Amino acid sequence: MPAVYRALVKDGLTSHVAWRVSFVVPGILILATTFFMVLLCPDTPVGKWSDRVQAAESNLRQHTVSDGPVGDVTGELTAEKNRSNAGSDSTEQVSDEEKKLGETRGVFDDHEMQMGEQQMVDIARGEVIQKPSAKEMLHVFASASTFVTAACYFCSFGSELAINSILGNYYAKNFPKLGLQNQGNWAAMFGLLNVVCRPLGGFIADVAYRRTGSVWAKKVLLHTYGIIFGAFLVAIGATDSHSKSTMFGLVAGAAFFLEGANGLNYALVPHVHPYANGIISGFTGASGNFGGIIFAIIFRYNVKNYARSFWIIGVISMVINVAVCWIKPVPKGQIGGR
């Protein structure tokens, strides 16, 4: 954005107009991204929405399980069991589409092969995405495990949004000799670190889960990151450094853990009410945006005392992460998602 702004100024636009016109560029990029997502992205991780049940049944057949349908195409789970009818007849009824799905499934871990047939069927039924109803949405929203992902994202993504909006001004206040271009460039580095830090957080969460076999590993990492990035924000506010190396180092450290926590959060989301993954994802994301509004208000009412706002947000983030760390990552009695 600073580079676009500067190019427009060189082309003859006034500063007053150039910064407004520069927003056309991200606007075009956002619209283009949305268009290609609608055009190219699958409905669900297993493909078309209408094929999600067949994908689960195909997975079961690869485990030599034939326990009847996992669910119907509308997304409502079926409880009927057809073990007596299982066998060669069920294989002959597999559609061409199901065969195609079966050929695309991956290789399963040993612990999955050790499950009983009924256990695998129950888990498959619990993890097939259902068409949401108002009652089901209220149940998911009221879940303590849902509150954990929402609260943590409120802190991490909310902090990121608010900091992005003021960081250039903070650098202008503490480093007036940097100039507009350099202030904008250094502020942009905070957001640019998302390219590495956010996916790295998700990757670390998956590695920890694979090695421990426990969803708690992801949750512990999430709260650890949350507390550490909160501590970095407190450090930024407490020092209010006028040393570029100290300030940029603290901001980079905060970005690593703050943006990594975003990735960690969405590594945990699929384990919570997996049949309502879209609801959980949307609610968690909305909570992050809400956090951005609340933290922006904190910056607004502290006017140009950015340092005070930083440590206030850091304390809030640490307190919230400690407050929800005891809640189980997977709701009690949930089938699947473990």
C-alpha atoms as a PDB file:
ATOM      1  CA  MET A   1       0.000   0.000   0.000  1.00  0.00           C
ATOM      2  CA  PRO A   2       2.770   2.545   0.763  1.00  0.00           C
ATOM      3  CA  ALA A   3       4.377   1.695  -2.589  1.00  0.00           C
ATOM      4  CA  VAL A   4       1.068   2.151  -4.444  1.00  0.00           C
ATOM      5  CA  TYR A   5       0.475   5.444  -2.641  1.00  0.00           C
ATOM      6  CA  ARG A   6       3.919   6.725  -3.523  1.00  0.00           C
ATOM      7  CA  ALA A   7       3.519   5.735  -7.173  1.00  0.00           C
ATOM      8  CA  LEU A   8       0.234   7.643  -7.381  1.00  0.00           C
ATOM      9  CA  VAL A   9       1.824  10.727  -5.842  1.00  0.00           C
ATOM     10  CA  LYS A  10       4.625  10.536  -8.449  1.00  0.00           C
ATOM     11  CA  ASP A  11       1.963  10.375 -11.156  1.00  0.00           C
ATOM     12  CA  GLY A  12       0.667  13.749 -10.025  1.00  0.00           C
ATOM     13  CA  LEU A  13      -2.085  12.991  -7.508  1.00  0.00           C
ATOM     14  CA  THR A  14      -2.160  14.961  -4.269  1.00  0.00           C
ATOM     15  CA  SER A  15      -1.554  13.124  -0.994  1.00  0.00           C
ATOM     16  CA  HIS A  16      -5.172  13.778  -0.042  1.00  0.00           C
ATOM     17  CA  VAL A  17      -6.411  11.892  -3.112  1.00  0.00           C
ATOM     18  CA  ALA A  18      -3.626   9.321  -3.573  1.00  0.00           C
ATOM     19  CA  TRP A  19      -4.176   7.430  -0.330  1.00  0.00           C
ATOM     20  CA  ARG A  20      -7.868   7.072  -1.158  1.00  0.00           C
ATOM     21  CA  VAL A  21      -7.262   5.902  -4.720  1.00  0.00           C
ATOM     22  CA  SER A  22      -4.672   3.372  -3.479  1.00  0.00           C
ATOM     23  CA  PHE A  23      -7.469   1.382  -1.833  1.00  0.00           C
ATOM     24  CA  VAL A  24      -8.722   0.426  -5.309  1.00  0.00           C
ATOM     25  CA  VAL A  25      -5.826  -2.054  -5.564  1.00  0.00           C
ATOM     26  CA  PRO A  26      -6.713  -4.239  -2.527  1.00  0.00           C
ATOM     27  CA  GLY A  27     -10.377  -3.899  -3.522  1.00  0.00           C
ATOM     28  CA  ILE A  28      -9.672  -5.490  -6.892  1.00  0.00           C
ATOM     29  CA  LEU A  29      -7.518  -8.203  -5.303  1.00  0.00           C
ATOM     30  CA  ILE A  30     -10.226  -9.087  -2.765  1.00  0.00           C
ATOM     31  CA  LEU A  31     -12.940  -9.296  -5.420  1.00  0.00           C
ATOM     32  CA  ALA A  32     -10.720 -11.400  -7.693  1.00  0.00           C
ATOM     33  CA  THR A  33      -9.860 -13.761  -4.837  1.00  0.00           C
ATOM     34  CA  THR A  34     -13.535 -14.146  -3.949  1.00  0.00           C
ATOM     35  CA  PHE A  35     -14.454 -14.888  -7.564  1.00  0.00           C
ATOM     36  CA  PHE A  36     -11.795 -17.585  -7.970  1.00  0.00           C
ATOM     37  CA  MET A  37     -12.658 -19.148  -4.604  1.00  0.00           C
ATOM     38  CA  VAL A  38     -16.286 -19.516  -5.695  1.00  0.00           C
ATOM     39  CA  LEU A  39     -15.223 -20.803  -9.100  1.00  0.00           C
ATOM     40  CA  LEU A  40     -12.398 -23.178  -8.169  1.00  0.00           C
ATOM     41  CA  CYS A  41     -12.646 -24.247  -4.510  1.00  0.00           C
ATOM     42  CA  PRO A  42     -14.539 -27.417  -3.496  1.00  0.00           C
ATOM     43  CA  ASP A  43     -17.580 -27.204  -1.225  1.00  0.00           C
ATOM     44  CA  THR A  44     -16.009 -29.351   1.502  1.00  0.00           C
ATOM     45  CA  PRO A  45     -12.593 -30.928   2.214  1.00  0.00           C
ATOM     46  CA  VAL A  46     -13.844 -34.149   0.567  1.00  0.00           C
ATOM     47  CA  GLY A  47     -15.269 -32.483  -2.529  1.00  0.00           C
ATOM     48  CA  LYS A  48     -18.839 -31.645  -3.476  1.00  0.00           C
ATOM     49  CA  TRP A  49     -21.416 -31.109  -0.738  1.00  0.00           C
ATOM     50  CA  SER A  50     -23.583 -33.837  -2.254  1.00  0.00           C
ATOM     51  CA  ASP A  51     -20.683 -36.316  -2.128  1.00  0.00           C
ATOM     52  CA  ARG A  52     -19.663 -35.888   1.517  1.00  0.00           C
ATOM     53  CA  VAL A  53     -21.590 -38.943   2.737  1.00  0.00           C
ATOM     54  CA  GLN A  54     -20.289 -41.174  -0.050  1.00  0.00           C
ATOM     55  CA  ALA A  55     -16.749 -40.076   0.841  1.00  0.00           C
ATOM     56  CA  ALA A  56     -17.221 -41.261   4.439  1.00  0.00           C
ATOM     57  CA  GLU A  57     -18.698 -44.554   3.279  1.00  0.00           C
ATOM     58  CA  SER A  58     -15.812 -44.991   0.861  1.00  0.00           C
ATOM     59  CA  ASN A  59     -13.358 -44.528   3.749  1.00  0.00           C
ATOM     60  CA  LEU A  60     -15.174 -47.201   5.725  1.00  0.00           C
ATOM     61  CA  ARG A  61     -15.043 -49.643   2.816  1.00  0.00           C
ATOM     62  CA  GLN A  62     -11.280 -49.192   2.666  1.00  0.00           C
ATOM     63  CA  HIS A  63     -11.292 -50.486   6.232  1.00  0.00           C
ATOM     64  CA  THR A  64     -13.446 -53.432   5.058  1.00  0.00           C
ATOM     65  CA  VAL A  65     -16.382 -52.038   7.057  1.00  0.00           C
ATOM     66  CA  SER A  66     -19.884 -52.419   5.570  1.00  0.00           C
ATOM     67  CA  ASP A  67     -22.302 -51.167   8.186  1.00  0.00           C
ATOM     68  CA  GLY A  68     -24.862 -49.458   5.997  1.00  0.00           C
ATOM     69  CA  PRO A  69     -25.184 -45.799   5.092  1.00  0.00           C
ATOM     70  CA  VAL A  70     -23.396 -43.196   7.146  1.00  0.00           C
ATOM     71  CA  GLY A  71     -25.966 -40.518   6.341  1.00  0.00           C
ATOM     72  CA  ASP A  72     -28.321 -39.315   3.656  1.00  0.00           C
ATOM     73  CA  VAL A  73     -27.526 -36.606   1.146  1.00  0.00           C
ATOM     74  CA  THR A  74     -29.391 -33.919   3.111  1.00  0.00           C
ATOM     75  CA  GLY A  75     -26.896 -34.250   5.911  1.00  0.00           C
ATOM     76  CA  GLU A  76     -29.170 -35.806   8.558  1.00  0.00           C
ATOM     77  CA  LEU A  77     -27.488 -38.820  10.104  1.00  0.00           C
ATOM     78  CA  THR A  78     -29.180 -42.195   9.814  1.00  0.00           C
ATOM     79  CA  ALA A  79     -29.167 -44.658  12.672  1.00  0.00           C
ATOM     80  CA  GLU A  80     -30.232 -47.766  10.796  1.00  0.00           C
ATOM     81  CA  LYS A  81     -27.770 -50.627  10.747  1.00  0.00           C
ATOM     82  CA  ASN A  82     -27.600 -53.111   7.902  1.00  0.00           C
ATOM     83  CA  ARG A  83     -24.934 -55.529   9.080  1.00  0.00           C
ATOM     84  CA  SER A  84     -27.004 -58.547   8.030  1.00  0.00           C
ATOM     85  CA  ASN A  85     -27.202 -57.230   4.464  1.00  0.00           C
ATOM     86  CA  ALA A  86     -23.490 -56.453   4.248  1.00  0.00           C
ATOM     87  CA  GLY A  87     -21.320 -58.438   1.903  1.00  0.00           C
ATOM     88  CA  SER A  88     -20.890 -58.888  -1.799  1.00  0.00           C
ATOM     89  CA  ASP A  89     -24.292 -57.343  -2.630  1.00  0.00           C
ATOM     90  CA  SER A  90     -23.340 -53.990  -1.037  1.00  0.00           C
ATOM     91  CA  THR A  91     -20.159 -53.877  -3.106  1.00  0.00           C
ATOM     92  CA  GLU A  92     -22.107 -54.263  -6.332  1.00  0.00           C
ATOM     93  CA  GLN A  93     -24.291 -51.266  -5.415  1.00  0.00           C
ATOM     94  CA  VAL A  94     -21.372 -48.837  -5.194  1.00  0.00           C
ATOM     95  CA  SER A  95     -21.890 -46.110  -7.780  1.00  0.00           C
ATOM     96  CA  ASP A  96     -19.237 -44.959 -10.214  1.00  0.00           C
ATOM     97  CA  GLU A  97     -18.929 -41.726  -8.236  1.00  0.00           C
ATOM     98  CA  GLU A  98     -18.324 -43.645  -5.010  1.00  0.00           C
ATOM     99  CA  LYS A  99     -15.692 -45.768  -6.714  1.00  0.00           C
ATOM    100  CA  LYS A 100     -13.976 -42.612  -7.864  1.00  0.00           C
ATOM    101  CA  LEU A 101     -14.068 -41.253  -4.332  1.00  0.00           C
ATOM    102  CA  GLY A 102     -12.700 -44.516  -2.995  1.00  0.00           C
ATOM    103  CA  GLU A 103      -9.737 -44.381  -5.348  1.00  0.00           C
ATOM    104  CA  THR A 104      -8.821 -40.900  -4.078  1.00  0.00           C
ATOM    105  CA  ARG A 105      -8.762 -41.740  -0.375  1.00  0.00           C
ATOM    106  CA  GLY A 106      -5.444 -41.708   1.427  1.00  0.00           C
ATOM    107  CA  VAL A 107      -3.608 -44.312   3.486  1.00  0.00           C
ATOM    108  CA  PHE A 108      -4.824 -44.653   7.081  1.00  0.00           C
ATOM    109  CA  ASP A 109      -2.751 -44.809  10.246  1.00  0.00           C
ATOM    110  CA  ASP A 110      -2.349 -48.030  12.220  1.00  0.00           C
ATOM    111  CA  HIS A 111      -4.435 -46.821  15.183  1.00  0.00           C
ATOM    112  CA  GLU A 112      -7.426 -46.418  12.855  1.00  0.00           C
ATOM    113  CA  MET A 113      -7.126 -50.027  11.730  1.00  0.00           C
ATOM    114  CA  GLN A 114      -7.257 -51.180  15.360  1.00  0.00           C
ATOM    115  CA  MET A 115     -10.709 -49.671  15.943  1.00  0.00           C
ATOM    116  CA  GLY A 116     -13.750 -51.867  16.028  1.00  0.00           C
ATOM    117  CA  GLU A 117     -16.089 -51.724  13.046  1.00  0.00           C
ATOM    118  CA  GLN A 118     -18.956 -50.172  15.012  1.00  0.00           C
ATOM    119  CA  GLN A 119     -16.623 -47.561  16.504  1.00  0.00           C
ATOM    120  CA  MET A 120     -15.430 -46.535  13.060  1.00  0.00           C
ATOM    121  CA  VAL A 121     -19.010 -46.289  11.790  1.00  0.00           C
ATOM    122  CA  ASP A 122     -20.059 -44.159  14.778  1.00  0.00           C
ATOM    123  CA  ILE A 123     -17.099 -41.824  14.294  1.00  0.00           C
ATOM    124  CA  ALA A 124     -17.853 -41.488  10.584  1.00  0.00           C
ATOM    125  CA  ARG A 125     -21.471 -40.604  11.381  1.00  0.00           C
ATOM    126  CA  GLY A 126     -20.330 -38.039  13.940  1.00  0.00           C
ATOM    127  CA  GLU A 127     -17.936 -36.335  11.541  1.00  0.00           C
ATOM    128  CA  VAL A 128     -20.108 -36.008   8.432  1.00  0.00           C
ATOM    129  CA  ILE A 129     -21.083 -32.364   8.009  1.00  0.00           C
ATOM    130  CA  GLN A 130     -24.797 -31.855   8.608  1.00  0.00           C
ATOM    131  CA  LYS A 131     -27.120 -29.255   7.181  1.00  0.00           C
ATOM    132  CA  PRO A 132     -27.372 -26.804  10.098  1.00  0.00           C
ATOM    133  CA  SER A 133     -30.640 -26.168  11.909  1.00  0.00           C
ATOM    134  CA  ALA A 134     -31.440 -23.339  14.331  1.00  0.00           C
ATOM    135  CA  LYS A 135     -31.524 -25.793  17.243  1.00  0.00           C
ATOM    136  CA  GLU A 136     -28.179 -27.306  16.289  1.00  0.00           C
ATOM    137  CA  MET A 137     -26.602 -23.868  15.896  1.00  0.00           C
ATOM    138  CA  LEU A 138     -27.719 -22.809  19.364  1.00  0.00           C
ATOM    139  CA  HIS A 139     -26.319 -26.045  20.806  1.00  0.00           C
ATOM    140  CA  VAL A 140     -22.949 -25.414  19.150  1.00  0.00           C
ATOM    141  CA  PHE A 141     -22.836 -21.744  20.185  1.00  0.00           C
ATOM    142  CA  ALA A 142     -23.574 -22.695  23.816  1.00  0.00           C
ATOM    143  CA  SER A 143     -20.737 -25.230  23.947  1.00  0.00           C
ATOM    144  CA  ALA A 144     -17.790 -24.393  26.213  1.00  0.00           C
ATOM    145  CA  SER A 145     -15.360 -25.851  23.660  1.00  0.00           C
ATOM    146  CA  THR A 146     -16.723 -23.470  21.024  1.00  0.00           C
ATOM    147  CA  PHE A 147     -16.189 -20.602  23.452  1.00  0.00           C
ATOM    148  CA  VAL A 148     -12.501 -21.561  23.756  1.00  0.00           C
ATOM    149  CA  THR A 149     -11.779 -21.214  20.030  1.00  0.00           C
ATOM    150  CA  ALA A 150     -13.830 -18.012  19.870  1.00  0.00           C
ATOM    151  CA  ALA A 151     -12.161 -16.440  22.928  1.00  0.00           C
ATOM    152  CA  CYS A 152      -8.646 -17.267  21.756  1.00  0.00           C
ATOM    153  CA  TYR A 153      -9.305 -15.938  18.261  1.00  0.00           C
ATOM    154  CA  PHE A 154     -10.876 -12.840  19.798  1.00  0.00           C
ATOM    155  CA  CYS A 155      -7.471 -12.201  21.371  1.00  0.00           C
ATOM    156  CA  SER A 156      -5.114 -13.216  18.564  1.00  0.00           C
ATOM    157  CA  PHE A 157      -6.840 -12.087  15.383  1.00  0.00           C
ATOM    158  CA  GLY A 158      -8.503  -9.180  17.167  1.00  0.00           C
ATOM    159  CA  SER A 159      -5.097  -7.946  18.323  1.00  0.00           C
ATOM    160  CA  GLU A 160      -3.687  -8.350  14.834  1.00  0.00           C
ATOM    161  CA  LEU A 161      -6.454  -6.289  13.218  1.00  0.00           C
ATOM    162  CA  ALA A 162      -6.177  -3.475  15.756  1.00  0.00           C
ATOM    163  CA  ILE A 163      -2.367  -3.374  15.650  1.00  0.00           C
ATOM    164  CA  ASN A 164      -2.344  -3.329  11.843  1.00  0.00           C
ATOM    165  CA  SER A 165      -4.505  -0.214  11.901  1.00  0.00           C
ATOM    166  CA  ILE A 166      -2.215   1.856  14.155  1.00  0.00           C
ATOM    167  CA  LEU A 167       1.295   0.453  13.765  1.00  0.00           C
ATOM    168  CA  GLY A 168       2.333   2.932  11.070  1.00  0.00           C
ATOM    169  CA  ASN A 169       1.202   5.834  13.292  1.00  0.00           C
ATOM    170  CA  TYR A 170       3.043   4.338  16.283  1.00  0.00           C
ATOM    171  CA  TYR A 171       6.258   4.179  14.257  1.00  0.00           C
ATOM    172  CA  ALA A 172       5.675   7.759  13.079  1.00  0.00           C
ATOM    173  CA  LYS A 173       5.392   8.882  16.706  1.00  0.00           C
ATOM    174  CA  ASN A 174       8.493   7.043  17.968  1.00  0.00           C
ATOM    175  CA  PHE A 175      10.613   7.303  14.794  1.00  0.00           C
ATOM    176  CA  PRO A 176       9.660  10.547  13.015  1.00  0.00           C
ATOM    177  CA  LYS A 177      12.838  10.474  10.897  1.00  0.00           C
ATOM    178  CA  LEU A 178      11.839   7.220   9.202  1.00  0.00           C
ATOM    179  CA  GLY A 179       9.564   9.005   6.753  1.00  0.00           C
ATOM    180  CA  LEU A 180       6.159   7.895   5.492  1.00  0.00           C
ATOM    181  CA  GLN A 181       7.458   5.237   3.078  1.00  0.00           C
ATOM    182  CA  ASN A 182       9.680   3.480   5.626  1.00  0.00           C
ATOM    183  CA  GLN A 183       7.090   3.753   8.380  1.00  0.00           C
ATOM    184  CA  GLY A 184       4.579   2.064   6.105  1.00  0.00           C
ATOM    185  CA  ASN A 185       7.088  -0.589   5.003  1.00  0.00           C
ATOM    186  CA  TRP A 186       8.039  -1.545   8.562  1.00  0.00           C
ATOM    187  CA  ALA A 187       4.403  -1.583   9.631  1.00  0.00           C
ATOM    188  CA  ALA A 188       3.551  -3.798   6.646  1.00  0.00           C
ATOM    189  CA  MET A 189       6.159  -6.329   7.815  1.00  0.00           C
ATOM    190  CA  PHE A 190       3.890  -7.181  10.746  1.00  0.00           C
ATOM    191  CA  GLY A 191       1.142  -8.342   8.406  1.00  0.00           C
ATOM    192  CA  LEU A 192       3.539  -9.878   5.887  1.00  0.00           C
ATOM    193  CA  LEU A 193       4.865 -12.281   8.528  1.00  0.00           C
ATOM    194  CA  ASN A 194       1.485 -14.032   8.252  1.00  0.00           C
ATOM    195  CA  VAL A 195       2.827 -15.737   5.136  1.00  0.00           C
ATOM    196  CA  VAL A 196       5.135 -17.791   7.371  1.00  0.00           C
ATOM    197  CA  CYS A 197       3.888 -17.552  10.948  1.00  0.00           C
ATOM    198  CA  ARG A 198       0.214 -18.463  10.530  1.00  0.00           C
ATOM    199  CA  PRO A 199       0.702 -21.685   8.520  1.00  0.00           C
ATOM    200  CA  LEU A 200       3.669 -22.553  10.736  1.00  0.00           C
ATOM    201  CA  GLY A 201       1.384 -22.430  13.783  1.00  0.00           C
ATOM    202  CA  GLY A 202      -1.019 -24.865  12.156  1.00  0.00           C
ATOM    203  CA  PHE A 203       1.838 -27.124  11.062  1.00  0.00           C
ATOM    204  CA  ILE A 204       3.304 -27.242  14.581  1.00  0.00           C
ATOM    205  CA  ALA A 205      -0.137 -28.095  15.961  1.00  0.00           C
ATOM    206  CA  ASP A 206      -0.534 -30.980  13.514  1.00  0.00           C
ATOM    207  CA  VAL A 207       2.934 -32.335  14.312  1.00  0.00           C
ATOM    208  CA  ALA A 208       2.180 -32.223  18.050  1.00  0.00           C
ATOM    209  CA  TYR A 209      -1.150 -33.983  17.512  1.00  0.00           C
ATOM    210  CA  ARG A 210       0.410 -36.655  15.336  1.00  0.00           C
ATOM    211  CA  ARG A 211       3.092 -37.400  17.932  1.00  0.00           C
ATOM    212  CA  THR A 212       0.836 -37.388  20.984  1.00  0.00           C
ATOM    213  CA  GLY A 213      -2.458 -38.566  19.514  1.00  0.00           C
ATOM    214  CA  SER A 214      -4.212 -36.080  21.805  1.00  0.00           C
ATOM    215  CA  VAL A 215      -6.205 -32.946  20.962  1.00  0.00           C
ATOM    216  CA  TRP A 216      -4.925 -31.526  24.262  1.00  0.00           C
ATOM    217  CA  ALA A 217      -1.523 -31.080  22.593  1.00  0.00           C
ATOM    218  CA  LYS A 218      -3.037 -28.559  20.186  1.00  0.00           C
ATOM    219  CA  LYS A 219      -4.897 -26.813  22.963  1.00  0.00           C
ATOM    220  CA  VAL A 220      -1.842 -26.486  25.214  1.00  0.00           C
ATOM    221  CA  LEU A 221       0.135 -25.023  22.317  1.00  0.00           C
ATOM    222  CA  LEU A 222      -2.678 -22.570  21.550  1.00  0.00           C
ATOM    223  CA  HIS A 223      -2.761 -21.183  25.080  1.00  0.00           C
ATOM    224  CA  THR A 224       1.039 -21.152  25.295  1.00  0.00           C
ATOM    225  CA  TYR A 225       1.224 -19.031  22.160  1.00  0.00           C
ATOM    226  CA  GLY A 226      -1.583 -16.826  23.494  1.00  0.00           C
ATOM    227  CA  ILE A 227       0.222 -16.117  26.750  1.00  0.00           C
ATOM    228  CA  ILE A 228       3.565 -15.507  25.037  1.00  0.00           C
ATOM    229  CA  PHE A 229       2.211 -13.054  22.468  1.00  0.00           C
ATOM    230  CA  GLY A 230       0.384 -11.290  25.303  1.00  0.00           C
ATOM    231  CA  ALA A 231       3.711 -10.967  27.119  1.00  0.00           C
ATOM    232  CA  PHE A 232       5.307  -9.500  23.985  1.00  0.00           C
ATOM    233  CA  LEU A 233       2.545  -6.901  23.735  1.00  0.00           C
ATOM    234  CA  VAL A 234       3.053  -5.984  27.393  1.00  0.00           C
ATOM    235  CA  ALA A 235       6.797  -5.669  26.730  1.00  0.00           C
ATOM    236  CA  ILE A 236       6.158  -3.363  23.753  1.00  0.00           C
ATOM    237  CA  GLY A 237       3.907  -1.176  25.884  1.00  0.00           C
ATOM    238  CA  ALA A 238       6.146  -1.178  28.934  1.00  0.00           C
ATOM    239  CA  THR A 239       9.321  -0.236  27.062  1.00  0.00           C
ATOM    240  CA  ASP A 240       7.742   2.113  24.483  1.00  0.00           C
ATOM    241  CA  SER A 241      11.147   1.863  22.857  1.00  0.00           C
ATOM    242  CA  HIS A 242      12.665   4.563  20.677  1.00  0.00           C
ATOM    243  CA  SER A 243      15.323   2.111  19.519  1.00  0.00           C
ATOM    244  CA  LYS A 244      14.455   0.714  16.097  1.00  0.00           C
ATOM    245  CA  SER A 245      16.169  -2.625  16.685  1.00  0.00           C
ATOM    246  CA  THR A 246      14.361  -3.142  20.014  1.00  0.00           C
ATOM    247  CA  MET A 247      10.963  -2.059  18.733  1.00  0.00           C
ATOM    248  CA  PHE A 248      11.095  -3.986  15.472  1.00  0.00           C
ATOM    249  CA  GLY A 249      12.427  -7.061  17.301  1.00  0.00           C
ATOM    250  CA  LEU A 250       9.591  -6.993  19.856  1.00  0.00           C
ATOM    251  CA  VAL A 251       6.978  -6.492  17.138  1.00  0.00           C
ATOM    252  CA  ALA A 252       8.422  -9.382  15.107  1.00  0.00           C
ATOM    253  CA  GLY A 253       8.365 -11.612  18.199  1.00  0.00           C
ATOM    254  CA  ALA A 254       4.766 -10.643  18.905  1.00  0.00           C
ATOM    255  CA  ALA A 255       3.859 -11.339  15.262  1.00  0.00           C
ATOM    256  CA  PHE A 256       5.428 -14.815  15.363  1.00  0.00           C
ATOM    257  CA  PHE A 257       3.339 -15.967  18.317  1.00  0.00           C
ATOM    258  CA  LEU A 258       0.219 -13.886  17.633  1.00  0.00           C
ATOM    259  CA  GLU A 259      -0.110 -14.984  14.006  1.00  0.00           C
ATOM    260  CA  GLY A 260       0.984 -18.513  14.896  1.00  0.00           C
ATOM    261  CA  ALA A 261      -1.863 -18.608  17.420  1.00  0.00           C
ATOM    262  CA  ASN A 262      -4.288 -17.852  14.580  1.00  0.00           C
ATOM    263  CA  GLY A 263      -3.045 -20.928  12.734  1.00  0.00           C
ATOM    264  CA  LEU A 264      -3.116 -23.017  15.901  1.00  0.00           C
ATOM    265  CA  ASN A 265      -6.708 -22.000  16.549  1.00  0.00           C
ATOM    266  CA  TYR A 266      -7.913 -23.239  13.193  1.00  0.00           C
ATOM    267  CA  ALA A 267      -5.957 -26.449  13.695  1.00  0.00           C
ATOM    268  CA  LEU A 268      -8.133 -27.024  16.782  1.00  0.00           C
ATOM    269  CA  VAL A 269     -11.459 -25.939  15.223  1.00  0.00           C
ATOM    270  CA  PRO A 270     -12.105 -29.166  13.191  1.00  0.00           C
ATOM    271  CA  HIS A 271     -12.019 -31.246  16.391  1.00  0.00           C
ATOM    272  CA  VAL A 272     -14.867 -29.284  17.999  1.00  0.00           C
ATOM    273  CA  HIS A 273     -18.313 -30.480  16.841  1.00  0.00           C
ATOM    274  CA  PRO A 274     -16.942 -31.765  13.511  1.00  0.00           C
ATOM    275  CA  TYR A 275     -20.458 -32.264  12.111  1.00  0.00           C
ATOM    276  CA  ALA A 276     -20.908 -28.458  12.434  1.00  0.00           C
ATOM    277  CA  ASN A 277     -17.479 -27.386  11.215  1.00  0.00           C
ATOM    278  CA  GLY A 278     -18.836 -24.484   9.171  1.00  0.00           C
ATOM    279  CA  ILE A 279     -20.693 -23.057  12.151  1.00  0.00           C
ATOM    280  CA  ILE A 280     -17.633 -23.316  14.394  1.00  0.00           C
ATOM    281  CA  SER A 281     -15.365 -21.779  11.757  1.00  0.00           C
ATOM    282  CA  GLY A 282     -17.733 -18.877  11.138  1.00  0.00           C
ATOM    283  CA  PHE A 283     -18.350 -18.176  14.811  1.00  0.00           C
ATOM    284  CA  THR A 284     -14.642 -18.284  15.588  1.00  0.00           C
ATOM    285  CA  GLY A 285     -13.809 -15.967  12.690  1.00  0.00           C
ATOM    286  CA  ALA A 286     -16.545 -13.519  13.690  1.00  0.00           C
ATOM    287  CA  SER A 287     -15.162 -13.460  17.235  1.00  0.00           C
ATOM    288  CA  GLY A 288     -11.786 -12.418  15.828  1.00  0.00           C
ATOM    289  CA  ASN A 289     -13.395  -9.524  13.975  1.00  0.00           C
ATOM    290  CA  PHE A 290     -15.257  -8.546  17.145  1.00  0.00           C
ATOM    291  CA  GLY A 291     -11.941  -8.542  19.006  1.00  0.00           C
ATOM    292  CA  GLY A 292     -10.555  -6.200  16.363  1.00  0.00           C
ATOM    293  CA  ILE A 293     -13.398  -3.752  17.084  1.00  0.00           C
ATOM    294  CA  ILE A 294     -12.938  -3.912  20.860  1.00  0.00           C
ATOM    295  CA  PHE A 295      -9.154  -3.490  20.710  1.00  0.00           C
ATOM    296  CA  ALA A 296      -9.495  -0.657  18.178  1.00  0.00           C
ATOM    297  CA  ILE A 297     -11.731   1.110  20.708  1.00  0.00           C
ATOM    298  CA  ILE A 298      -8.964   0.724  23.304  1.00  0.00           C
ATOM    299  CA  PHE A 299      -6.522   2.407  20.918  1.00  0.00           C
ATOM    300  CA  ARG A 300      -9.129   5.069  20.143  1.00  0.00           C
ATOM    301  CA  TYR A 301      -9.658   6.088  23.763  1.00  0.00           C
ATOM    302  CA  ASN A 302      -5.973   6.140  24.577  1.00  0.00           C
ATOM    303  CA  VAL A 303      -5.519   8.554  21.661  1.00  0.00           C
ATOM    304  CA  LYS A 304      -1.777   8.610  20.861  1.00  0.00           C
ATOM    305  CA  ASN A 305      -0.658   6.723  23.955  1.00  0.00           C
ATOM    306  CA  TYR A 306      -0.113   3.599  21.871  1.00  0.00           C
ATOM    307  CA  ALA A 307       2.173   2.022  24.461  1.00  0.00           C
ATOM    308  CA  ARG A 308      -0.571   1.937  27.087  1.00  0.00           C
ATOM    309  CA  SER A 309      -2.988   0.323  24.627  1.00  0.00           C
ATOM    310  CA  PHE A 310      -0.424  -2.361  23.783  1.00  0.00           C
ATOM    311  CA  TRP A 311       0.052  -3.486  27.366  1.00  0.00           C
ATOM    312  CA  ILE A 312      -3.690  -3.354  28.095  1.00  0.00           C
ATOM    313  CA  ILE A 313      -4.387  -5.640  25.121  1.00  0.00           C
ATOM    314  CA  GLY A 314      -1.509  -7.899  26.163  1.00  0.00           C
ATOM    315  CA  VAL A 315      -2.903  -8.283  29.681  1.00  0.00           C
ATOM    316  CA  ILE A 316      -6.409  -8.990  28.355  1.00  0.00           C
ATOM    317  CA  SER A 317      -5.044 -11.676  26.019  1.00  0.00           C
ATOM    318  CA  MET A 318      -3.075 -13.415  28.753  1.00  0.00           C
ATOM    319  CA  VAL A 319      -5.986 -13.326  31.222  1.00  0.00           C
ATOM    320  CA  ILE A 320      -8.463 -14.743  28.694  1.00  0.00           C
ATOM    321  CA  ASN A 321      -6.115 -17.561  27.655  1.00  0.00           C
ATOM    322  CA  VAL A 322      -5.494 -18.553  31.282  1.00  0.00           C
ATOM    323  CA  ALA A 323      -9.216 -18.311  32.060  1.00  0.00           C
ATOM    324  CA  VAL A 324     -10.238 -20.829  29.352  1.00  0.00           C
ATOM    325  CA  CYS A 325      -7.232 -23.169  29.441  1.00  0.00           C
ATOM    326  CA  TRP A 326      -8.978 -25.696  31.719  1.00  0.00           C
ATOM    327  CA  ILE A 327     -11.921 -26.310  29.347  1.00  0.00           C
ATOM    328  CA  LYS A 328     -11.753 -29.622  27.483  1.00  0.00           C
ATOM    329  CA  PRO A 329     -10.926 -29.222  23.783  1.00  0.00           C
ATOM    330  CA  VAL A 330     -13.503 -31.838  22.766  1.00  0.00           C
ATOM    331  CA  PRO A 331     -17.014 -31.622  24.284  1.00  0.00           C
ATOM    332  CA  LYS A 332     -17.931 -34.408  26.691  1.00  0.00           C
ATOM    333  CA  GLY A 333     -19.702 -37.269  24.950  1.00  0.00           C
ATOM    334  CA  GLN A 334     -18.827 -36.077  21.461  1.00  0.00           C
ATOM    335  CA  ILE A 335     -18.434 -38.826  18.874  1.00  0.00           C
ATOM    336  CA  GLY A 336     -15.578 -38.135  16.462  1.00  0.00           C
ATOM    337  CA  GLY A 337     -13.151 -35.258  16.324  1.00  0.00           C
ATOM    338  CA  ARG A 338     -10.607 -36.927  18.605  1.00  0.00           C
END
